[in-house]
Structures are given as C-alpha cells and as structure tokens.
Amino acid sequence: MTVSYNSDVSSVSSTNFLRLLLRWKGSIWKSVSSELLIWCSFYLSIAVVYHYFLFPNGYYDAFNDVAYYCGKELHNYIPLTFMLAFFVSIIVERWRTVFVNMGWIESVALTLNTVIISRCEEARLIRRNIVRYLVLAQILTFRDISIRVRRRFPNIDTIKKAGFMTVAEEKMLEDLELSYNKYWVPVNWCVTLTNQAGAKGYTSSPPGLVHLIQEIKNFRNGLATLCNYDWCPIPIAYPQVVFFAVRVYFIFCLISRQYIRVPNKDFESVQLFIRPFITIIEFICIVGWMKVAEALLNPLGEDDDDFESNFLIDKNIFTGMKIVDCFDEVPPLVEDTFSDPGAVPIYSEDSQRNYQNGALVGSVSNVTLAQFDENITMVPVAPRLSVGDIHSHDRPSIRRRYRSGNASQTVSRASSFREPRLQRQSSEGERNDAYEMDHEPYLEEPSSPTKHAKFFTNLTKVDENDDEDLPATAKTSVVSRV
C-alpha cells in the first residue's frame, strides 16, 4: 500500500525530520538494509584479515598497492553522481506520466449525467453500462501490466464472477477472433451505446454527444499510454550500467578503505572500527538513491509505494455507478447564509486560537499616495522614445540647460516637448543642480481643446538650428514614432 506521510509534514518543525527518519515501511532503511548488511560483512572480513594477519606479519605491501589503485581517483573512473541524476530524472518523468494516465471515472460519469438526460429506464441502463464497460476496459488493461490486478483476476472467468462482465459479454469477447489484445472491445461498446442514445433522442444536443465521446476517448487514451510505457520501457542497458556502476563503486570501496599509507600498529583498532563510518553514510545515500529509481521503474508493481491499481478499480466502479444513479437529483433551492451583507467567515475556535491573519493582499496595497477625494492634476505626455533608448548621434536636438541657483538657459521649443520638466525637490543647504527639460505652460492645463491642438501641432516642428546637425534618418525619428 502507498505510504502516506503528509500529515507528518503538515507544518515545519524540528521534529518532522525524526518523524520521517524513523519510519520503516517504504523507507531508505528498508530498501538498503539487505545490501548494507552484505557490504558490511565483506568489509569487516577484509578488515580483519588485513589488520590482524597481513599487517602484523609484514605482508601488507601488495595489498596496499591494490587498495591504493582501487581508491585512486575513484570518482573520476566512475561518474556515479551524473549517471544517477540523469537516470532518476528520466524515471521520475515516466512515473508522473503513468500516474496522470491511471484513469479516473468521475469526468466520464458527470458528462453522462449532462448529456444523456432522459429519465427512462433504458437511458439509466445506458449510463450504468457505459461506466461498467470503461472499468472493464481498465481491468483488461491492468491485468497485463500490473501484477496486483493479475493476481486478483487470473482469468476472464474471475472478472465475470466479480460482476464486471455478463455471460453474454464474455461470449462476445471470446468469440471475437483476434490475435492481438482486446482492450478496445468494451470501449467500442461504450461508443455504440452513446450513438444509440443519440439516435433515440436521449441526449441533450449533438455537441454534447460529441463531448461525451471525447471523454470516453480520453479515458481510453490514458490506458493506451500505460500500455505503451509497459511495452517500451527504458532500454535495459541504461539501468544495467547504472546499477552495475553503483555496485562496482562500493566493491572498490571495500578494498580502498583499508589502505594505510603509514603503518602504525597502535592505530589498527581505530582504523578497523572508525574508517567505515563515512563509507557507510555514502553507501546509504547512493544506494538509497539507486533504490528510489529502481522502485519508480515500474509503479504498477508490488513495492510499498507502487500505485494501488485494485483500489482504483473498486473506486471507479462504485463511484461511477453512484454518480449516474444520482442523475437529476438536486437539493431544494434555498437562500444561503452568505446572502447577508454582514456575513463573515466562520472558523472553529481551536483553529483561531494561535492563528495570525493570513490575508493575501498586494505588497503595496497599504501605501497611501493620495486621499480618495484629493484632486490630482493629470497632464498629457508626448509619445516618444525613452532617453536611454536614443543613441547619442540621434539626439543632438534634445537640449539641456544647466541651472545653478537662479541662473538658467532657455532651450528651443522643439526640444521642450520631448522631455517634460522633471521637478526636483530642493532641500536647505543643498544646491539644486540638475539637468532639466522645459515644458510648455499649456501642458499643465489639458482641458483646453485649442491648447491640445497647439501641443500636437508642435510635434511636427523642428528647430532650424537643430536640423542642420541632424542626420537624415534622425530628423524624423521622433515624429515617425508618434
């Protein structure tokens, strides 16, 4: 059964790590325990032979040479991290696709109630049989790709005994001469019943009938995707090389971790019991990573975290039947409590005891720049390029004046409309030196039509002094973009 741990991580706390770490079912400890025990046994055996037989008798030189070459640049010989990361990313993507296409009956059942709206007995049976046929197609598909479903339904007779198929339907399925799979047969029955419902006037509209057939096709496409992933897995050479690399890596570690560059008898006991700790941590991380990929290779298997295919079949048949049986049932219309203008959200007292306001509002929504009834003066702005987007050779007509104290220098009218004056707030003791641009007085009063006309007329005027130095393309750069 799928291991659920979401309740343990519902909130961040210092104990969540321990809650997850101490679990056994589906845990990393369970997945690597057998291989870790075997590796530790071999490690201790080699360590005892080396430290208590080879080293005291002076026969450690040859062993040290082998251990040295086994451990020399071990990570460069086997790019284990890269291989595992790429492999796991592919496996997770396949796992996600399989989960999305498992097949859920709710959308089809709700569409049935929307499209086949007749209240007669035949229409009710059509709705129920379409649901049952889709679940039957799911069972026939899962029997060939999920060992759990195969154990539940080892042959067609068990499907009939479970109520998913009648005797007549079983005979039709067996009499169909076809050398390939017959997953499509129940889906074909669904489409036929849909067409009969449309021909007899049980449906709401032809577009609704088309939409119902599309929902049936989507259900079938999901099952086809599962079959494709089962028929064409990742090339076996890829998982082989990854799993082989992990095991070879730690075989090298068995020998290389025994290597002692400087013989020291007083340090033998420490070497024997302390040196493997770091290697064991590395073993748990890397082999656990590999075990995750191995478990995700076939999510329809029998591992702790594989998908519950049988539960999905049971849920689909009972939920789908209940949905179509509740056709045309609705509670009486009443005035709800939220119609009251003074209605407020209601929470339990315990949920609000230590709760802080978590309203989702804009980050600057509480910034007040003007009062609600304050009169804000609005001015028109000429369409133009930003100063930063104009190259230096394209903007010789944009004149500036340098103001120091009260001294100022006038600029041409042609340049004044391009850069409205940017007011700078002066402060005491500070020189208000800045580059500013003139703007016409009529820009401050946009309400006058004549002033608007005068403003836009001036857009086509260029100062004669400026035109002399302008390139041919730059003379009309501003006007052409207006």
Protein backbone atom coordinates (compact mmCIF):
# COMPACT_ATOMS: atom_id res chain seq x y z
CA MET A 1 0.00 0.00 0.00
CA THR A 2 1.19 3.52 -0.77
CA VAL A 3 2.94 5.04 2.24
CA SER A 4 1.40 8.38 3.23
CA TYR A 5 3.39 10.80 5.37
CA ASN A 6 1.77 14.14 4.50
CA SER A 7 0.33 14.56 8.00
CA ASP A 8 3.84 14.38 9.46
CA VAL A 9 4.98 17.34 7.37
CA SER A 10 1.84 19.46 7.63
CA SER A 11 3.88 22.13 9.42
CA VAL A 12 7.57 22.89 9.69
CA SER A 13 9.11 21.83 12.97
CA SER A 14 12.34 20.41 14.33
CA THR A 15 10.71 17.02 14.96
CA ASN A 16 9.50 16.44 11.40
CA PHE A 17 12.92 15.15 10.45
CA LEU A 18 12.79 12.50 13.16
CA ARG A 19 9.22 11.51 12.30
CA LEU A 20 10.21 10.78 8.74
CA LEU A 21 13.60 9.34 9.58
CA LEU A 22 12.26 6.71 12.00
CA ARG A 23 9.68 5.26 9.60
CA TRP A 24 10.38 1.77 8.31
CA LYS A 25 7.80 0.92 5.66
CA GLY A 26 8.87 2.34 2.34
CA SER A 27 11.92 3.94 3.97
CA ILE A 28 15.50 4.12 2.80
CA TRP A 29 16.49 1.84 5.69
CA LYS A 30 14.25 -0.93 4.44
CA SER A 31 15.41 -0.56 0.83
CA VAL A 32 19.16 -0.65 1.56
CA SER A 33 19.21 -2.84 4.68
CA SER A 34 19.98 -6.14 2.96
CA GLU A 35 22.70 -4.76 0.70
CA LEU A 36 24.21 -2.70 3.51
CA LEU A 37 24.40 -5.82 5.71
CA ILE A 38 26.16 -7.78 2.96
CA TRP A 39 28.59 -4.94 2.29
CA CYS A 40 29.43 -4.50 5.98
CA SER A 41 30.02 -8.23 6.33
CA PHE A 42 32.51 -8.24 3.47
CA TYR A 43 34.12 -5.06 4.77
CA LEU A 44 34.69 -6.48 8.24
CA SER A 45 36.02 -9.73 6.79
CA ILE A 46 38.61 -7.95 4.67
CA ALA A 47 39.48 -5.57 7.52
CA VAL A 48 40.09 -8.40 9.97
CA VAL A 49 42.29 -10.27 7.50
CA TYR A 50 44.28 -7.13 6.74
CA HIS A 51 44.72 -5.74 10.25
CA TYR A 52 45.29 -8.99 12.12
CA PHE A 53 47.08 -11.20 9.61
CA LEU A 54 48.66 -9.25 6.75
CA PHE A 55 49.71 -6.12 8.60
CA PRO A 56 51.40 -7.72 11.67
CA ASN A 57 53.33 -10.17 9.50
CA GLY A 58 54.58 -7.55 7.04
CA TYR A 59 52.58 -8.84 4.07
CA TYR A 60 50.63 -5.64 3.55
CA ASP A 61 52.67 -4.06 0.73
CA ALA A 62 50.96 -5.91 -2.11
CA PHE A 63 47.55 -5.34 -0.56
CA ASN A 64 48.29 -1.64 -0.10
CA ASP A 65 49.23 -1.32 -3.76
CA VAL A 66 45.93 -2.89 -4.82
CA ALA A 67 43.97 -0.72 -2.35
CA TYR A 68 45.79 2.40 -3.50
CA TYR A 69 44.94 1.86 -7.15
CA CYS A 70 41.34 0.94 -6.31
CA GLY A 71 40.84 4.19 -4.44
CA LYS A 72 42.92 6.49 -6.64
CA GLU A 73 40.57 8.97 -8.38
CA LEU A 74 37.66 6.60 -7.87
CA HIS A 75 35.11 9.34 -8.63
CA ASN A 76 36.80 10.10 -11.95
CA TYR A 77 36.74 6.48 -13.02
CA ILE A 78 33.00 6.13 -12.37
CA PRO A 79 30.92 9.36 -12.80
CA LEU A 80 28.32 7.96 -10.44
CA THR A 81 26.57 11.19 -9.48
CA PHE A 82 26.00 12.26 -13.07
CA MET A 83 24.74 8.83 -14.13
CA LEU A 84 22.32 8.55 -11.22
CA ALA A 85 20.98 12.10 -11.55
CA PHE A 86 20.20 11.75 -15.24
CA PHE A 87 18.71 8.29 -14.77
CA VAL A 88 16.45 9.32 -11.88
CA SER A 89 15.18 12.39 -13.77
CA ILE A 90 14.03 10.17 -16.66
CA ILE A 91 12.41 7.67 -14.30
CA VAL A 92 10.51 10.35 -12.35
CA GLU A 93 9.10 11.81 -15.57
CA ARG A 94 7.82 8.39 -16.64
CA TRP A 95 6.38 7.81 -13.15
CA ARG A 96 4.48 11.10 -13.30
CA THR A 97 3.06 10.30 -16.74
CA VAL A 98 1.88 6.87 -15.58
CA PHE A 99 0.15 8.39 -12.57
CA VAL A 100 -1.65 11.03 -14.65
CA ASN A 101 -2.99 8.39 -17.05
CA MET A 102 -4.20 5.85 -14.50
CA GLY A 103 -7.82 6.60 -15.38
CA TRP A 104 -10.44 8.24 -13.16
CA ILE A 105 -14.12 7.71 -13.91
CA GLU A 106 -15.59 10.89 -12.42
CA SER A 107 -15.28 13.08 -15.54
CA VAL A 108 -16.98 10.49 -17.77
CA ALA A 109 -19.77 9.83 -15.25
CA LEU A 110 -20.52 13.53 -14.76
CA THR A 111 -20.54 14.06 -18.53
CA LEU A 112 -23.00 11.16 -18.86
CA ASN A 113 -25.41 12.92 -16.49
CA THR A 114 -25.02 16.11 -18.51
CA VAL A 115 -25.52 14.64 -21.97
CA ILE A 116 -27.89 11.66 -21.55
CA ILE A 117 -30.73 13.50 -19.83
CA SER A 118 -33.62 11.13 -20.40
CA ARG A 119 -35.32 9.73 -17.29
CA CYS A 120 -36.49 6.49 -18.90
CA GLU A 121 -35.23 3.11 -17.75
CA GLU A 122 -33.27 2.42 -20.93
CA ALA A 123 -31.35 5.69 -20.60
CA ARG A 124 -30.50 4.81 -16.99
CA LEU A 125 -29.15 1.42 -18.08
CA ILE A 126 -27.13 3.05 -20.84
CA ARG A 127 -25.45 5.35 -18.33
CA ARG A 128 -24.65 2.48 -15.98
CA ASN A 129 -23.35 0.16 -18.70
CA ILE A 130 -21.04 2.81 -20.15
CA VAL A 131 -19.44 3.19 -16.71
CA ARG A 132 -19.11 -0.57 -16.30
CA TYR A 133 -17.64 -1.05 -19.77
CA LEU A 134 -14.98 1.59 -19.15
CA VAL A 135 -13.97 -0.07 -15.88
CA LEU A 136 -13.95 -3.42 -17.70
CA ALA A 137 -11.54 -1.98 -20.27
CA GLN A 138 -9.40 -0.73 -17.39
CA ILE A 139 -9.34 -4.20 -15.81
CA LEU A 140 -8.38 -5.89 -19.09
CA THR A 141 -5.53 -3.40 -19.49
CA PHE A 142 -4.29 -3.59 -15.90
CA ARG A 143 -4.27 -7.40 -15.95
CA ASP A 144 -1.44 -7.27 -18.47
CA ILE A 145 0.65 -4.51 -16.87
CA SER A 146 0.01 -4.80 -13.11
CA ILE A 147 0.86 -7.95 -11.19
CA ARG A 148 -1.54 -6.96 -8.38
CA VAL A 149 -4.52 -6.86 -10.74
CA ARG A 150 -3.32 -10.07 -12.39
CA ARG A 151 -3.38 -11.84 -9.03
CA ARG A 152 -6.91 -10.56 -8.41
CA PHE A 153 -8.22 -11.56 -11.86
CA PRO A 154 -6.09 -14.52 -13.06
CA ASN A 155 -8.56 -15.31 -15.87
CA ILE A 156 -11.64 -13.91 -17.60
CA ASP A 157 -14.00 -16.05 -15.52
CA THR A 158 -12.93 -14.23 -12.36
CA ILE A 159 -13.86 -10.92 -13.99
CA LYS A 160 -17.32 -12.32 -14.70
CA LYS A 161 -17.67 -13.61 -11.14
CA ALA A 162 -16.72 -10.16 -9.79
CA GLY A 163 -19.68 -8.65 -11.68
CA PHE A 164 -17.78 -6.62 -14.26
CA MET A 165 -18.96 -8.80 -17.16
CA THR A 166 -22.06 -10.79 -18.02
CA VAL A 167 -22.21 -14.22 -19.61
CA ALA A 168 -23.29 -12.76 -22.96
CA GLU A 169 -20.50 -10.19 -22.89
CA GLU A 170 -17.95 -12.88 -22.06
CA LYS A 171 -19.12 -14.96 -25.01
CA MET A 172 -18.91 -11.97 -27.37
CA LEU A 173 -15.39 -11.23 -26.16
CA GLU A 174 -14.22 -14.82 -26.54
CA ASP A 175 -15.90 -15.30 -29.94
CA LEU A 176 -14.06 -12.30 -31.33
CA GLU A 177 -11.25 -13.76 -33.41
CA LEU A 178 -8.21 -11.55 -32.99
CA SER A 179 -4.60 -12.43 -32.39
CA TYR A 180 -3.95 -9.18 -30.50
CA ASN A 181 -5.28 -7.71 -27.28
CA LYS A 182 -8.96 -6.88 -26.94
CA TYR A 183 -8.80 -3.88 -24.63
CA TRP A 184 -10.71 -1.83 -27.16
CA VAL A 185 -13.84 -4.03 -27.20
CA PRO A 186 -15.57 -2.57 -24.10
CA VAL A 187 -14.70 0.94 -25.31
CA ASN A 188 -16.36 0.13 -28.62
CA TRP A 189 -19.47 -0.97 -26.72
CA CYS A 190 -19.47 2.41 -24.94
CA VAL A 191 -19.36 4.32 -28.22
CA THR A 192 -22.14 2.15 -29.66
CA LEU A 193 -24.39 2.82 -26.65
CA THR A 194 -23.68 6.53 -26.94
CA ASN A 195 -24.73 6.55 -30.58
CA GLN A 196 -27.91 4.63 -29.70
CA ALA A 197 -28.74 7.18 -27.01
CA GLY A 198 -28.33 9.97 -29.54
CA ALA A 199 -30.45 8.18 -32.16
CA LYS A 200 -33.27 7.65 -29.66
CA GLY A 201 -33.26 11.26 -28.51
CA TYR A 202 -31.93 10.64 -25.03
CA THR A 203 -29.14 13.22 -25.37
CA SER A 204 -29.30 16.95 -24.79
CA SER A 205 -27.64 18.06 -28.05
CA PRO A 206 -25.29 16.80 -30.78
CA PRO A 207 -22.35 18.85 -29.43
CA GLY A 208 -22.92 17.27 -26.03
CA LEU A 209 -22.85 13.84 -27.64
CA VAL A 210 -19.53 14.68 -29.28
CA HIS A 211 -18.14 15.83 -25.94
CA LEU A 212 -19.21 12.56 -24.27
CA ILE A 213 -17.45 10.53 -26.95
CA GLN A 214 -14.36 12.67 -26.44
CA GLU A 215 -14.36 11.90 -22.71
CA ILE A 216 -14.57 8.18 -23.49
CA LYS A 217 -11.67 8.55 -25.91
CA ASN A 218 -9.60 10.39 -23.29
CA PHE A 219 -10.15 7.54 -20.84
CA ARG A 220 -9.07 5.06 -23.48
CA ASN A 221 -6.01 7.17 -24.43
CA GLY A 222 -4.82 7.09 -20.83
CA LEU A 223 -4.97 3.29 -20.80
CA ALA A 224 -3.13 3.20 -24.13
CA THR A 225 -0.35 5.37 -22.65
CA LEU A 226 0.07 2.91 -19.78
CA CYS A 227 0.38 0.05 -22.26
CA ASN A 228 2.93 1.94 -24.32
CA TYR A 229 5.10 2.62 -21.27
CA ASP A 230 4.89 -1.05 -20.28
CA TRP A 231 5.64 -2.34 -23.77
CA CYS A 232 8.55 0.06 -24.39
CA PRO A 233 10.49 0.62 -21.16
CA ILE A 234 13.79 2.43 -20.85
CA PRO A 235 16.45 0.44 -22.76
CA ILE A 236 17.73 -2.18 -20.38
CA ALA A 237 21.35 -1.18 -20.95
CA TYR A 238 20.76 2.09 -19.10
CA PRO A 239 19.54 0.65 -15.75
CA GLN A 240 22.13 -2.11 -16.12
CA VAL A 241 25.04 0.28 -16.38
CA VAL A 242 23.75 2.43 -13.51
CA PHE A 243 23.15 -0.48 -11.14
CA PHE A 244 26.43 -2.11 -12.15
CA ALA A 245 28.36 1.13 -11.60
CA VAL A 246 26.93 1.57 -8.09
CA ARG A 247 27.91 -1.92 -7.03
CA VAL A 248 31.36 -1.79 -8.60
CA TYR A 249 31.96 1.55 -6.90
CA PHE A 250 31.37 0.07 -3.48
CA ILE A 251 33.34 -3.08 -4.27
CA PHE A 252 36.30 -0.78 -4.82
CA CYS A 253 35.46 0.90 -1.53
CA LEU A 254 35.76 -2.45 0.25
CA ILE A 255 39.44 -2.59 -0.61
CA SER A 256 40.44 1.06 -0.85
CA ARG A 257 39.14 1.97 2.59
CA GLN A 258 41.63 -0.49 4.14
CA TYR A 259 44.66 1.27 2.73
CA ILE A 260 47.13 2.64 5.34
CA ARG A 261 49.85 4.83 3.93
CA VAL A 262 51.92 4.92 7.16
CA PRO A 263 51.93 1.65 9.17
CA ASN A 264 51.04 2.20 12.79
CA LYS A 265 50.09 -0.73 14.99
CA ASP A 266 48.66 1.46 17.69
CA PHE A 267 46.14 2.81 15.21
CA GLU A 268 44.87 -0.56 13.95
CA SER A 269 41.78 -0.74 16.17
CA VAL A 270 40.75 2.80 15.27
CA GLN A 271 41.23 2.00 11.59
CA LEU A 272 39.09 -1.11 11.90
CA PHE A 273 36.05 0.49 13.52
CA ILE A 274 36.17 4.20 12.62
CA ARG A 275 37.12 4.24 8.95
CA PRO A 276 33.92 2.56 7.62
CA PHE A 277 31.54 5.14 9.12
CA ILE A 278 31.90 7.69 6.32
CA THR A 279 31.72 4.95 3.72
CA ILE A 280 28.52 3.60 5.27
CA ILE A 281 26.91 7.06 5.08
CA GLU A 282 27.98 7.32 1.45
CA PHE A 283 26.60 3.83 0.82
CA ILE A 284 23.19 4.67 2.29
CA CYS A 285 22.88 7.87 0.25
CA ILE A 286 23.99 6.49 -3.11
CA VAL A 287 22.40 3.05 -2.88
CA GLY A 288 19.22 4.60 -1.46
CA TRP A 289 19.14 6.95 -4.43
CA MET A 290 19.51 3.97 -6.75
CA LYS A 291 16.74 2.10 -4.92
CA VAL A 292 14.39 5.03 -5.45
CA ALA A 293 14.97 4.84 -9.19
CA GLU A 294 14.57 1.06 -9.10
CA ALA A 295 11.20 1.35 -7.33
CA LEU A 296 9.98 4.02 -9.75
CA LEU A 297 10.84 1.95 -12.82
CA ASN A 298 7.53 0.08 -12.52
CA PRO A 299 4.99 1.97 -10.39
CA LEU A 300 2.38 -0.74 -11.09
CA GLY A 301 4.36 -3.41 -9.25
CA GLU A 302 4.19 -4.65 -5.66
CA ASP A 303 6.55 -2.30 -3.86
CA ASP A 304 5.43 -0.32 -0.82
CA ASP A 305 4.98 2.89 -2.79
CA ASP A 306 3.54 1.48 -6.01
CA PHE A 307 0.12 2.58 -7.20
CA GLU A 308 -2.95 0.87 -5.77
CA SER A 309 -4.46 -0.41 -9.02
CA ASN A 310 -7.08 -2.62 -7.37
CA PHE A 311 -8.27 0.22 -5.17
CA LEU A 312 -8.62 2.43 -8.25
CA ILE A 313 -10.77 -0.20 -9.98
CA ASP A 314 -13.05 -0.51 -6.95
CA LYS A 315 -13.31 3.24 -6.57
CA ASN A 316 -14.13 3.75 -10.24
CA ILE A 317 -16.93 1.19 -10.40
CA PHE A 318 -18.73 2.24 -7.23
CA THR A 319 -18.18 5.98 -7.64
CA GLY A 320 -19.17 5.94 -11.31
CA MET A 321 -22.35 3.97 -10.64
CA LYS A 322 -23.35 6.24 -7.78
CA ILE A 323 -22.83 9.34 -9.93
CA VAL A 324 -25.03 8.13 -12.79
CA ASP A 325 -27.68 6.86 -10.33
CA CYS A 326 -27.87 10.35 -8.84
CA PHE A 327 -28.95 11.74 -12.21
CA ASP A 328 -31.39 14.66 -11.98
CA GLU A 329 -31.14 14.81 -8.19
CA VAL A 330 -30.54 18.17 -6.58
CA PRO A 331 -31.35 19.67 -3.16
CA PRO A 332 -34.15 22.23 -2.93
CA LEU A 333 -33.18 25.82 -3.69
CA VAL A 334 -32.89 27.92 -0.53
CA GLU A 335 -31.45 31.28 0.41
CA ASP A 336 -27.95 30.72 1.70
CA THR A 337 -26.39 32.45 4.70
CA PHE A 338 -23.87 34.27 2.52
CA SER A 339 -26.64 36.42 1.06
CA ASP A 340 -26.50 38.53 4.22
CA PRO A 341 -24.36 41.65 3.52
CA GLY A 342 -22.90 41.37 7.00
CA ALA A 343 -21.82 37.73 6.66
CA VAL A 344 -18.29 36.95 7.83
CA PRO A 345 -16.16 33.79 7.55
CA ILE A 346 -16.69 31.27 10.35
CA TYR A 347 -13.85 29.22 11.88
CA SER A 348 -13.67 26.84 14.77
CA GLU A 349 -12.39 28.39 17.98
CA ASP A 350 -9.48 25.98 18.18
CA SER A 351 -8.27 26.81 14.66
CA GLN A 352 -8.14 30.53 15.53
CA ARG A 353 -6.54 30.26 18.94
CA ASN A 354 -2.98 30.94 17.78
CA TYR A 355 -3.75 31.97 14.23
CA GLN A 356 -2.42 35.12 12.63
CA ASN A 357 -4.16 36.95 9.85
CA GLY A 358 -3.08 35.38 6.57
CA ALA A 359 -4.93 37.63 4.13
CA LEU A 360 -3.44 37.65 0.65
CA VAL A 361 -3.16 41.30 -0.41
CA GLY A 362 -0.91 43.25 -2.73
CA SER A 363 2.51 44.18 -1.41
CA VAL A 364 1.88 47.95 -1.87
CA SER A 365 -1.88 47.95 -1.35
CA ASN A 366 -1.46 49.67 2.04
CA VAL A 367 0.66 52.52 0.63
CA THR A 368 -1.33 55.78 0.56
CA LEU A 369 -0.13 58.27 -2.06
CA ALA A 370 -3.29 60.37 -2.27
CA GLN A 371 -6.59 60.72 -0.46
CA PHE A 372 -9.73 59.39 -2.06
CA ASP A 373 -11.23 62.84 -2.69
CA GLU A 374 -7.94 64.59 -3.46
CA ASN A 375 -7.81 66.43 -6.80
CA ILE A 376 -4.84 65.11 -8.78
CA THR A 377 -3.66 67.14 -11.80
CA MET A 378 -3.20 64.96 -14.88
CA VAL A 379 -1.11 66.05 -17.91
CA PRO A 380 -0.70 64.51 -21.38
CA VAL A 381 2.65 63.01 -22.29
CA ALA A 382 4.00 63.01 -25.85
CA PRO A 383 4.68 59.57 -27.35
CA ARG A 384 8.44 59.32 -27.59
CA LEU A 385 11.43 57.14 -27.14
CA SER A 386 12.97 56.99 -23.72
CA VAL A 387 16.20 58.93 -23.43
CA GLY A 388 18.07 55.76 -22.62
CA ASP A 389 16.95 54.15 -25.91
CA ILE A 390 18.19 57.04 -28.13
CA HIS A 391 21.79 56.91 -29.26
CA SER A 392 23.96 59.94 -28.80
CA HIS A 393 24.14 60.73 -32.54
CA ASP A 394 20.33 60.59 -32.80
CA ARG A 395 19.60 63.15 -30.08
CA PRO A 396 21.58 66.35 -30.73
CA SER A 397 18.36 68.39 -30.78
CA ILE A 398 17.49 67.40 -27.22
CA ARG A 399 18.97 70.34 -25.39
CA ARG A 400 19.53 70.68 -21.76
CA ARG A 401 20.07 73.60 -19.54
CA TYR A 402 22.32 73.67 -16.60
CA ARG A 403 20.79 75.51 -13.71
CA SER A 404 22.90 76.73 -10.79
CA GLY A 405 20.90 78.61 -8.21
CA ASN A 406 18.58 81.00 -10.13
CA ALA A 407 20.60 81.08 -13.35
CA SER A 408 19.04 79.29 -16.32
CA GLN A 409 19.40 78.98 -20.00
CA THR A 410 16.48 78.68 -22.40
CA VAL A 411 16.17 75.85 -24.84
CA SER A 412 14.37 75.50 -28.14
CA ARG A 413 10.68 74.80 -28.35
CA ALA A 414 11.30 71.69 -30.46
CA SER A 415 13.24 70.03 -27.69
CA SER A 416 10.95 71.14 -24.89
CA PHE A 417 8.03 68.91 -25.85
CA ARG A 418 10.22 65.81 -25.90
CA GLU A 419 11.35 65.97 -22.31
CA PRO A 420 8.84 67.41 -19.81
CA ARG A 421 10.50 69.05 -16.88
CA LEU A 422 11.27 66.73 -14.00
CA GLN A 423 10.79 68.67 -10.78
CA ARG A 424 13.47 68.15 -8.19
CA GLN A 425 12.69 68.80 -4.58
CA SER A 426 15.29 71.11 -3.07
CA SER A 427 16.44 70.96 0.49
CA GLU A 428 18.10 73.52 2.70
CA GLY A 429 21.85 73.66 2.37
CA GLU A 430 21.84 71.64 -0.88
CA ARG A 431 22.48 73.02 -4.34
CA ASN A 432 19.67 72.14 -6.66
CA ASP A 433 21.89 71.44 -9.66
CA ALA A 434 20.31 69.21 -12.25
CA TYR A 435 19.64 68.74 -15.91
CA GLU A 436 16.04 69.66 -16.58
CA MET A 437 13.84 69.98 -19.62
CA ASP A 438 11.37 72.78 -20.35
CA HIS A 439 7.74 72.13 -20.98
CA GLU A 440 5.14 74.46 -22.35
CA PRO A 441 2.70 76.06 -19.95
CA TYR A 442 -0.23 74.65 -21.86
CA LEU A 443 0.77 71.15 -20.82
CA GLU A 444 -0.43 71.89 -17.31
CA GLU A 445 -4.00 72.51 -18.45
CA PRO A 446 -5.11 69.62 -20.65
CA SER A 447 -8.76 70.64 -20.55
CA SER A 448 -8.50 73.22 -23.38
CA PRO A 449 -9.06 71.80 -26.92
CA THR A 450 -7.13 74.62 -28.57
CA LYS A 451 -4.17 74.04 -26.34
CA HIS A 452 -4.27 70.35 -27.20
CA ALA A 453 -4.22 71.17 -30.89
CA LYS A 454 -1.34 73.55 -30.41
CA PHE A 455 0.57 70.88 -28.49
CA PHE A 456 0.25 68.21 -31.16
CA THR A 457 0.92 70.69 -33.96
CA ASN A 458 4.27 71.46 -32.40
CA LEU A 459 5.16 67.77 -32.59
CA THR A 460 5.99 68.22 -36.30
CA LYS A 461 8.15 71.31 -35.82
CA VAL A 462 11.88 71.01 -35.54
CA ASP A 463 14.20 73.81 -34.61
CA GLU A 464 16.16 75.09 -37.58
CA ASN A 465 19.37 75.15 -35.58
CA ASP A 466 18.86 71.51 -34.66
CA ASP A 467 18.09 70.40 -38.22
CA GLU A 468 21.47 71.43 -39.51
CA ASP A 469 23.32 68.83 -37.45
CA LEU A 470 20.75 66.04 -37.61
CA PRO A 471 21.28 63.02 -39.86
CA ALA A 472 18.61 62.35 -42.46
CA THR A 473 17.16 59.46 -40.50
CA ALA A 474 17.25 61.23 -37.15
CA LYS A 475 15.26 64.31 -38.30
CA THR A 476 12.05 62.32 -38.40
CA SER A 477 12.88 59.79 -35.68
CA VAL A 478 10.60 61.31 -33.09
CA VAL A 479 7.80 62.34 -35.42
CA SER A 480 7.70 58.98 -37.20
CA ARG A 481 7.25 57.18 -33.89
CA VAL A 482 4.37 59.41 -32.72
